[in-house]
Amino acid sequence: MTTAIDYTVNGTDLSIVQSVQAHPLMPLSENTLTEARIIEFLDEDMRSTVVPLVLASKEEFYVQNYDQTPVINQYTYTIPRRAAFATWRDIVWVDPNGNEIAMTELAPEYVKITYPVGNMPPIYTFGFVLQNDHIILWPPNSTVPVQYQLRMKIKRAPNHLTPVENCAQVTAVTPGSSQVTLDGHGDGTWTTSLTFDAIPNYPQFTSLGDDLTISAINQGTPSATVLTFDEYPEDIAVGDWVCPANLSPIPQIPYDMFPLLIQRGVIRCLESLGDGQNLQIAERRYQDMAADFARTVSPRIAGTRKALVNRTANFGWNYNRAISR
């Protein structure tokens, strides 16, 4: 009798890889693909197909805030490395009371000095210019407001999928000592020089902590490894997973999208096996599933109207007035 859902890629015979292998369209007699290869297929299609489908709904999935203290005379700031597709959701200042202050993205052409007149952008124009993977605060000769926080809102990319053998599951927690007990120590190469992510064993699989450092690792027995965290992930609980940074044994997508990911895995396997007839059937089925998802999640809050904010009105006249739709 099954007592818990297996969310992992290969933890039990009810995991995602096994669902791909057992799919009715999969020719089992010819299936020579390893678990590791199927997991790579799943990861590639999660990033290239499933995650873009989620982001296309524009319903604030994956949005996280990264706050940093600005530095005097430093005008360039880099995008957080976990940002999906190297994009920002928004960039704002945050005052000491926690209020967000809008910043304006300026086109590079806008901030040029024109020749021969030498015109500059209008006075009191504050914002930033986007350049590759960083922003440049504007105007560059102004005083950096170090009393504020610079908040970059990004859509955090899901971790790379990996077999459960590279991770370990929490069997006990000791918050007072910043320790967790695990059922193993991954592939056996873990040291205090590594950083770790804590992945919950429940939807929506949002990371409980990224790039966590540890001060000690006690590998007493293979089934009882104790990690001591420098910064304890407060919400970690028995059943959650600890993995090397950027890895996860669970797809960090909405649980209801697992069937779409499985279908993408079937498609990739059929492509690899050269089964063109079943591939066409699988692709048509995926298109139907993707359309159903798009209709279901937008709007994400069905009982509330969205407010459209006019940020271009003249100051003092309907400024930032919301319009419902």
Protein backbone atom coordinates (compact mmCIF):
# COMPACT_ATOMS: atom_id res chain seq x y z
CA MET A 1 0.00 0.00 0.00
CA THR A 2 1.35 3.44 -0.95
CA THR A 3 1.33 5.85 1.99
CA ALA A 4 2.94 8.89 0.35
CA ILE A 5 3.24 10.43 -3.10
CA ASP A 6 6.61 10.02 -4.79
CA TYR A 7 7.41 13.41 -6.36
CA THR A 8 10.95 12.44 -7.36
CA VAL A 9 12.34 11.53 -10.74
CA ASN A 10 13.49 8.05 -9.71
CA GLY A 11 12.87 7.41 -6.01
CA THR A 12 10.48 4.44 -6.31
CA ASP A 13 8.65 2.39 -8.93
CA LEU A 14 5.99 5.13 -8.89
CA SER A 15 8.32 8.00 -9.74
CA ILE A 16 8.44 10.12 -12.90
CA VAL A 17 11.01 8.07 -14.83
CA GLN A 18 9.00 4.92 -14.19
CA SER A 19 5.87 6.72 -15.44
CA VAL A 20 7.71 7.55 -18.67
CA GLN A 21 8.91 3.97 -19.11
CA ALA A 22 5.46 2.52 -18.40
CA HIS A 23 3.63 4.85 -20.80
CA PRO A 24 1.39 2.94 -23.25
CA LEU A 25 3.21 4.46 -26.24
CA MET A 26 6.64 3.32 -25.06
CA PRO A 27 7.90 0.12 -26.78
CA LEU A 28 9.23 -1.64 -23.70
CA SER A 29 10.89 -4.42 -25.67
CA GLU A 30 13.09 -1.83 -27.40
CA ASN A 31 13.58 0.57 -24.51
CA THR A 32 17.35 0.72 -24.02
CA LEU A 33 17.41 4.21 -22.48
CA THR A 34 18.92 4.43 -19.00
CA GLU A 35 17.31 6.24 -16.08
CA ALA A 36 20.07 8.85 -16.19
CA ARG A 37 19.40 9.57 -19.87
CA ILE A 38 15.65 9.89 -19.31
CA ILE A 39 16.27 12.29 -16.41
CA GLU A 40 18.41 14.44 -18.72
CA PHE A 41 15.59 14.40 -21.29
CA LEU A 42 13.15 15.49 -18.58
CA ASP A 43 15.41 18.32 -17.42
CA GLU A 44 16.01 19.60 -20.95
CA ASP A 45 12.32 19.66 -21.80
CA MET A 46 11.35 21.11 -18.43
CA ARG A 47 13.56 24.13 -19.24
CA SER A 48 12.86 24.44 -22.95
CA THR A 49 9.14 23.64 -23.01
CA VAL A 50 7.36 23.32 -19.67
CA VAL A 51 8.83 26.33 -17.83
CA PRO A 52 8.24 28.70 -20.78
CA LEU A 53 4.63 27.49 -20.80
CA VAL A 54 4.34 28.43 -17.12
CA LEU A 55 5.98 31.83 -17.61
CA ALA A 56 3.81 32.59 -20.64
CA SER A 57 0.75 32.65 -18.37
CA LYS A 58 2.17 35.85 -16.77
CA GLU A 59 0.69 34.87 -13.42
CA GLU A 60 3.72 35.55 -11.19
CA PHE A 61 5.00 31.97 -10.99
CA TYR A 62 8.57 31.65 -9.67
CA VAL A 63 8.86 35.34 -8.70
CA GLN A 64 11.39 35.98 -5.95
CA ASN A 65 12.97 39.13 -4.50
CA TYR A 66 16.73 39.59 -4.26
CA ASP A 67 17.63 42.62 -2.11
CA GLN A 68 21.08 44.14 -1.97
CA THR A 69 22.53 47.19 -0.33
CA PRO A 70 23.79 49.71 -2.92
CA VAL A 71 27.38 50.90 -2.64
CA ILE A 72 28.52 54.51 -2.82
CA ASN A 73 29.73 55.37 -6.35
CA GLN A 74 28.82 51.92 -7.66
CA TYR A 75 26.34 52.18 -10.51
CA THR A 76 26.48 48.71 -12.07
CA TYR A 77 24.62 45.73 -10.55
CA THR A 78 24.41 42.20 -11.98
CA ILE A 79 21.33 40.03 -12.38
CA PRO A 80 21.09 37.14 -9.87
CA ARG A 81 22.47 34.01 -11.45
CA ARG A 82 19.32 31.96 -10.81
CA ALA A 83 17.14 34.23 -12.94
CA ALA A 84 15.25 32.22 -15.56
CA PHE A 85 16.27 33.16 -19.13
CA ALA A 86 18.44 35.98 -17.70
CA THR A 87 15.41 38.24 -17.28
CA TRP A 88 14.10 40.50 -14.53
CA ARG A 89 10.45 40.75 -13.45
CA ASP A 90 11.01 44.22 -12.02
CA ILE A 91 13.65 46.44 -10.39
CA VAL A 92 12.73 48.86 -7.60
CA TRP A 93 14.17 50.77 -4.68
CA VAL A 94 12.92 49.80 -1.22
CA ASP A 95 12.84 52.52 1.43
CA PRO A 96 13.51 51.90 5.17
CA ASN A 97 9.76 51.41 5.73
CA GLY A 98 9.56 48.63 3.14
CA ASN A 99 7.83 50.73 0.47
CA GLU A 100 8.77 49.94 -3.12
CA ILE A 101 9.73 52.90 -5.30
CA ALA A 102 9.41 52.45 -9.06
CA MET A 103 12.44 52.83 -11.30
CA THR A 104 12.31 53.59 -15.01
CA GLU A 105 14.07 51.48 -17.60
CA LEU A 106 15.76 53.86 -20.03
CA ALA A 107 16.72 52.94 -23.57
CA PRO A 108 20.44 53.37 -24.32
CA GLU A 109 19.56 55.93 -27.00
CA TYR A 110 17.66 57.99 -24.43
CA VAL A 111 20.70 58.72 -22.29
CA LYS A 112 23.01 59.80 -25.10
CA ILE A 113 24.29 63.37 -25.30
CA THR A 114 23.25 64.75 -28.68
CA TYR A 115 25.82 66.55 -30.83
CA PRO A 116 26.38 69.46 -31.30
CA VAL A 117 23.76 70.83 -28.94
CA GLY A 118 24.58 68.45 -26.11
CA ASN A 119 21.04 67.86 -24.88
CA MET A 120 20.66 65.56 -21.91
CA PRO A 121 17.58 63.67 -20.68
CA PRO A 122 15.10 65.81 -18.73
CA ILE A 123 16.02 66.75 -15.18
CA TYR A 124 14.76 64.43 -12.42
CA THR A 125 14.95 61.41 -14.72
CA PHE A 126 15.96 58.49 -12.49
CA GLY A 127 16.19 54.87 -13.50
CA PHE A 128 18.56 52.41 -15.09
CA VAL A 129 19.92 51.27 -18.43
CA LEU A 130 19.98 47.56 -19.26
CA GLN A 131 23.25 46.17 -20.60
CA ASN A 132 23.70 42.42 -21.09
CA ASP A 133 23.44 40.81 -17.63
CA HIS A 134 23.52 43.97 -15.52
CA ILE A 135 21.87 47.35 -15.01
CA ILE A 136 23.55 50.75 -14.86
CA LEU A 137 21.91 53.27 -12.55
CA TRP A 138 21.00 56.62 -14.11
CA PRO A 139 22.14 59.32 -13.83
CA PRO A 140 25.64 57.91 -13.33
CA ASN A 141 26.97 60.98 -11.57
CA SER A 142 24.22 61.20 -8.95
CA THR A 143 24.44 60.12 -5.33
CA VAL A 144 23.64 56.43 -4.93
CA PRO A 145 20.80 56.18 -2.36
CA VAL A 146 22.57 53.85 0.06
CA GLN A 147 19.77 54.34 2.60
CA TYR A 148 17.58 52.23 0.30
CA GLN A 149 17.75 48.59 -0.79
CA LEU A 150 18.00 47.71 -4.46
CA ARG A 151 15.41 44.98 -5.10
CA MET A 152 15.67 42.81 -8.17
CA LYS A 153 12.58 40.73 -8.80
CA ILE A 154 13.36 37.67 -10.88
CA LYS A 155 11.63 34.51 -11.96
CA ARG A 156 13.81 31.89 -10.31
CA ALA A 157 14.84 29.08 -12.62
CA PRO A 158 14.04 25.55 -11.41
CA ASN A 159 16.98 23.47 -10.26
CA HIS A 160 18.60 20.96 -12.59
CA LEU A 161 17.01 17.53 -12.23
CA THR A 162 19.23 14.85 -10.74
CA PRO A 163 18.76 11.26 -9.49
CA VAL A 164 17.88 10.86 -5.82
CA GLU A 165 21.24 9.15 -5.34
CA ASN A 166 22.90 12.57 -5.58
CA CYS A 167 20.74 13.98 -2.76
CA ALA A 168 19.63 12.94 0.72
CA GLN A 169 16.30 13.03 2.53
CA VAL A 170 15.81 14.58 5.97
CA THR A 171 15.05 12.07 8.73
CA ALA A 172 15.35 14.39 11.76
CA VAL A 173 15.72 18.12 12.47
CA THR A 174 17.39 19.92 15.40
CA PRO A 175 16.77 23.65 14.88
CA GLY A 176 18.47 24.67 18.12
CA SER A 177 21.78 23.29 16.92
CA SER A 178 21.21 24.16 13.24
CA GLN A 179 21.50 20.49 12.38
CA VAL A 180 19.57 18.07 10.19
CA THR A 181 19.97 14.32 10.00
CA LEU A 182 19.87 12.76 6.55
CA ASP A 183 19.43 9.22 5.25
CA GLY A 184 22.75 9.46 3.42
CA HIS A 185 25.27 11.87 1.97
CA GLY A 186 24.56 11.91 -1.73
CA ASP A 187 27.21 10.38 -3.93
CA GLY A 188 29.66 10.27 -1.02
CA THR A 189 31.72 13.28 -2.09
CA TRP A 190 30.04 15.93 0.06
CA THR A 191 32.36 18.23 2.00
CA THR A 192 32.06 21.53 3.86
CA SER A 193 33.34 23.32 0.75
CA LEU A 194 30.07 22.62 -1.08
CA THR A 195 26.90 24.68 -0.87
CA PHE A 196 23.46 23.13 -0.72
CA ASP A 197 19.82 23.75 -1.59
CA ALA A 198 16.93 22.58 0.58
CA ILE A 199 13.99 21.27 -1.48
CA PRO A 200 10.58 20.63 0.13
CA ASN A 201 8.90 17.29 -0.49
CA TYR A 202 5.57 18.94 -1.19
CA PRO A 203 4.08 21.32 -3.79
CA GLN A 204 4.97 23.90 -4.99
CA PHE A 205 8.53 22.65 -4.38
CA THR A 206 9.83 26.19 -3.85
CA SER A 207 13.34 26.05 -2.44
CA LEU A 208 13.56 26.46 1.34
CA GLY A 209 17.11 27.78 1.02
CA ASP A 210 19.61 28.39 -1.78
CA ASP A 211 23.39 28.13 -1.67
CA LEU A 212 23.41 27.15 2.00
CA THR A 213 26.82 26.71 3.59
CA ILE A 214 27.64 24.12 6.21
CA SER A 215 30.23 24.16 8.98
CA ALA A 216 30.31 20.42 9.64
CA ILE A 217 29.31 17.13 8.07
CA ASN A 218 29.28 14.02 10.23
CA GLN A 219 29.12 10.91 8.06
CA GLY A 220 28.79 8.52 10.97
CA THR A 221 26.92 5.86 9.01
CA PRO A 222 25.60 5.83 5.45
CA SER A 223 22.04 6.12 6.79
CA ALA A 224 22.67 8.82 9.42
CA THR A 225 24.59 11.81 8.12
CA VAL A 226 24.37 15.03 10.17
CA LEU A 227 24.81 18.43 8.52
CA THR A 228 25.39 21.61 10.54
CA PHE A 229 24.19 24.67 8.64
CA ASP A 230 25.69 28.14 9.01
CA GLU A 231 22.25 29.56 8.18
CA TYR A 232 19.53 27.12 9.15
CA PRO A 233 16.58 26.76 6.70
CA GLU A 234 13.82 27.34 9.25
CA ASP A 235 11.00 25.58 7.42
CA ILE A 236 12.91 22.40 6.65
CA ALA A 237 11.17 19.28 7.94
CA VAL A 238 11.40 15.50 7.90
CA GLY A 239 10.92 14.23 4.37
CA ASP A 240 12.46 17.26 2.64
CA TRP A 241 15.58 16.96 0.48
CA VAL A 242 19.08 18.40 0.72
CA CYS A 243 21.06 18.56 -2.53
CA PRO A 244 24.20 20.21 -3.83
CA ALA A 245 23.34 23.74 -5.00
CA ASN A 246 21.33 23.98 -8.24
CA LEU A 247 20.27 20.32 -8.14
CA SER A 248 16.92 18.78 -7.23
CA PRO A 249 15.42 15.27 -7.39
CA ILE A 250 11.97 16.87 -7.82
CA PRO A 251 10.84 19.03 -10.76
CA GLN A 252 10.19 22.52 -9.39
CA ILE A 253 7.04 23.05 -11.43
CA PRO A 254 3.37 22.98 -10.38
CA TYR A 255 2.45 19.42 -9.41
CA ASP A 256 -0.46 19.42 -11.86
CA MET A 257 2.11 19.87 -14.65
CA PHE A 258 3.90 16.62 -13.87
CA PRO A 259 1.79 14.79 -16.51
CA LEU A 260 2.96 17.33 -19.12
CA LEU A 261 6.58 16.75 -18.14
CA ILE A 262 6.06 12.98 -18.34
CA GLN A 263 4.52 13.43 -21.78
CA ARG A 264 7.54 15.47 -22.88
CA GLY A 265 9.76 12.68 -21.57
CA VAL A 266 7.82 10.15 -23.65
CA ILE A 267 8.22 12.37 -26.74
CA ARG A 268 11.98 12.64 -26.26
CA CYS A 269 12.31 8.90 -25.74
CA LEU A 270 10.28 8.13 -28.86
CA GLU A 271 12.45 10.57 -30.83
CA SER A 272 15.57 8.79 -29.56
CA LEU A 273 14.13 5.38 -30.44
CA GLY A 274 13.05 6.51 -33.90
CA ASP A 275 9.40 5.58 -33.34
CA GLY A 276 7.79 8.11 -35.67
CA GLN A 277 4.26 6.68 -35.56
CA ASN A 278 3.88 6.82 -31.78
CA LEU A 279 5.79 10.13 -31.69
CA GLN A 280 3.03 11.86 -33.68
CA ILE A 281 0.39 10.54 -31.30
CA ALA A 282 2.39 11.66 -28.25
CA GLU A 283 2.96 15.16 -29.67
CA ARG A 284 -0.75 15.66 -30.42
CA ARG A 285 -1.59 14.56 -26.89
CA TYR A 286 0.94 17.02 -25.45
CA GLN A 287 -0.53 19.92 -27.43
CA ASP A 288 -3.96 19.18 -25.94
CA MET A 289 -2.51 19.01 -22.41
CA ALA A 290 -0.61 22.29 -22.85
CA ALA A 291 -3.74 24.06 -24.09
CA ASP A 292 -5.71 22.77 -21.09
CA PHE A 293 -3.04 24.10 -18.72
CA ALA A 294 -3.03 27.55 -20.34
CA ARG A 295 -6.81 27.81 -19.99
CA THR A 296 -6.72 26.67 -16.36
CA VAL A 297 -4.07 28.92 -14.79
CA SER A 298 -4.95 32.27 -16.30
CA PRO A 299 -6.35 34.06 -14.43
CA ARG A 300 -4.64 32.42 -11.48
CA ILE A 301 -7.02 34.06 -8.99
CA ALA A 302 -10.41 33.51 -10.55
CA GLY A 303 -12.45 35.59 -8.12
CA THR A 304 -10.45 38.83 -8.22
CA ARG A 305 -10.20 41.43 -10.96
CA LYS A 306 -6.78 42.71 -11.93
CA ALA A 307 -6.05 46.43 -11.61
CA LEU A 308 -4.22 48.14 -14.47
CA VAL A 309 -2.02 50.98 -13.24
CA ASN A 310 -1.42 54.05 -15.40
CA ARG A 311 2.16 55.09 -14.67
CA THR A 312 2.39 57.60 -17.49
CA ALA A 313 -0.26 60.10 -16.37
CA ASN A 314 0.83 63.61 -15.44
CA PHE A 315 1.91 63.99 -11.84
CA GLY A 316 -0.98 65.02 -9.62
CA TRP A 317 -3.65 64.01 -12.15
CA ASN A 318 -4.88 60.40 -11.87
CA TYR A 319 -1.32 59.45 -11.00
CA ASN A 320 -1.00 55.65 -10.60
CA ARG A 321 -4.77 55.38 -10.57
CA ALA A 322 -5.85 51.75 -10.90
CA ILE A 323 -8.32 50.60 -13.53
CA SER A 324 -10.05 47.28 -12.97
CA ARG A 325 -10.65 44.80 -15.70
